[in-house]
Amino acid sequence: MNNYRGLIRNTILIGTIALSAGCAAFYNDLKTPMSDLTVATSSDSIARMGKSACVSYAWVVAIGDCSVAAAMKTGGVSKIHHVDSEVFSVVFGVYQKYTTVVYGE
């Protein structure tokens, strides 16, 4: 009986820590700038936008091309002004989508 109590207590403790770690466990939809590739510019000079994406299913299969080069190609961008990234995740990452968004001319 003591072993079961310890197991239940540890399971609850680990679950509480995992859920309070700052990550959204059940649903996550973030749009953030990629700081290494951000260039200060006015929005008036941004003429084109391109996106590229990759997805992951159940931590087993990941497909797609979410590179900056792929985003530039889809948007016809030759000069980058700035790059953003979007992360969409559902139920502990069972489904995840990563999107790179390129703005430029």
Protein backbone atom coordinates (compact mmCIF):
# COMPACT_ATOMS: atom_id res chain seq x y z
CA MET A 1 0.00 0.00 0.00
CA ASN A 2 2.86 2.39 0.78
CA ASN A 3 4.39 1.77 -2.65
CA TYR A 4 1.15 2.84 -4.36
CA ARG A 5 0.92 6.02 -2.29
CA GLY A 6 4.49 6.91 -3.19
CA LEU A 7 3.83 6.22 -6.86
CA ILE A 8 0.67 8.34 -6.87
CA ARG A 9 2.40 11.16 -4.98
CA ASN A 10 5.38 11.15 -7.38
CA THR A 11 3.10 11.05 -10.42
CA ILE A 12 1.15 14.06 -9.15
CA LEU A 13 4.37 15.91 -8.32
CA ILE A 14 5.91 15.28 -11.75
CA GLY A 15 2.64 16.21 -13.49
CA THR A 16 2.39 19.45 -11.54
CA ILE A 17 5.97 20.39 -12.37
CA ALA A 18 5.48 19.56 -16.05
CA LEU A 19 2.30 21.60 -16.34
CA SER A 20 3.72 24.60 -14.51
CA ALA A 21 6.95 24.76 -16.49
CA GLY A 22 5.75 27.71 -18.58
CA CYS A 23 4.79 25.70 -21.64
CA ALA A 24 1.23 25.32 -22.77
CA ALA A 25 0.37 21.68 -22.33
CA PHE A 26 -2.90 21.44 -24.27
CA TYR A 27 -2.81 24.28 -26.80
CA ASN A 28 -0.05 26.60 -27.96
CA ASP A 29 -0.19 29.18 -30.75
CA LEU A 30 2.80 31.56 -30.66
CA LYS A 31 4.09 34.14 -33.08
CA THR A 32 7.53 35.46 -32.20
CA PRO A 33 10.31 37.37 -33.94
CA MET A 34 13.49 35.49 -34.71
CA SER A 35 15.90 37.83 -32.96
CA ASP A 36 19.01 36.67 -34.83
CA LEU A 37 17.43 37.60 -38.16
CA THR A 38 15.50 40.75 -37.24
CA VAL A 39 16.42 44.01 -38.97
CA ALA A 40 14.88 47.32 -37.91
CA THR A 41 12.85 48.70 -40.81
CA SER A 42 9.68 50.60 -41.50
CA SER A 43 6.63 48.65 -42.57
CA ASP A 44 6.24 50.93 -45.61
CA SER A 45 9.21 49.32 -47.36
CA ILE A 46 8.00 45.74 -46.94
CA ALA A 47 6.60 44.68 -50.30
CA ARG A 48 6.54 40.88 -50.04
CA MET A 49 6.01 38.11 -47.55
CA GLY A 50 6.79 34.40 -47.79
CA LYS A 51 6.01 31.47 -45.50
CA SER A 52 7.42 28.00 -45.08
CA ALA A 53 6.25 25.34 -42.65
CA CYS A 54 7.01 21.94 -41.20
CA VAL A 55 4.82 19.73 -39.01
CA SER A 56 5.37 17.00 -36.45
CA TYR A 57 2.90 14.24 -35.61
CA ALA A 58 2.93 12.42 -32.26
CA TRP A 59 6.69 12.98 -31.75
CA VAL A 60 7.33 10.33 -34.41
CA VAL A 61 7.01 11.87 -37.88
CA ALA A 62 8.20 15.32 -38.91
CA ILE A 63 7.85 16.61 -42.47
CA GLY A 64 8.24 19.88 -44.32
CA ASP A 65 10.76 22.62 -44.92
CA CYS A 66 10.50 25.58 -42.54
CA SER A 67 13.78 27.19 -43.59
CA VAL A 68 14.28 30.87 -44.35
CA ALA A 69 15.33 29.96 -47.89
CA ALA A 70 12.05 28.11 -48.51
CA ALA A 71 10.05 31.06 -47.15
CA MET A 72 11.98 33.46 -49.40
CA LYS A 73 11.25 31.26 -52.41
CA THR A 74 7.49 31.05 -51.75
CA GLY A 75 7.19 34.80 -51.32
CA GLY A 76 9.58 35.85 -54.06
CA VAL A 77 11.69 37.70 -51.49
CA SER A 78 15.28 38.51 -52.50
CA LYS A 79 16.18 40.97 -49.72
CA ILE A 80 15.07 40.19 -46.17
CA HIS A 81 13.88 42.94 -43.85
CA HIS A 82 12.94 40.66 -40.96
CA VAL A 83 11.91 37.11 -40.11
CA ASP A 84 9.26 35.88 -37.68
CA SER A 85 8.46 32.39 -36.48
CA GLU A 86 5.14 30.84 -35.52
CA VAL A 87 4.69 27.78 -33.33
CA PHE A 88 1.37 25.93 -33.09
CA SER A 89 1.11 22.98 -30.73
CA VAL A 90 -1.79 20.85 -29.50
CA VAL A 91 -2.01 18.42 -26.55
CA PHE A 92 1.58 18.13 -25.30
CA GLY A 93 2.93 18.43 -28.82
CA VAL A 94 1.02 15.53 -30.38
CA TYR A 95 0.59 17.88 -33.35
CA GLN A 96 3.06 20.73 -33.87
CA LYS A 97 3.48 23.16 -36.73
CA TYR A 98 6.48 25.46 -37.14
CA THR A 99 6.18 28.31 -39.62
CA THR A 100 8.87 30.74 -40.76
CA VAL A 101 7.60 34.07 -42.09
CA VAL A 102 9.96 36.25 -44.15
CA TYR A 103 9.27 39.91 -44.93
CA GLY A 104 11.21 41.87 -47.52
CA GLU A 105 11.43 42.97 -51.11
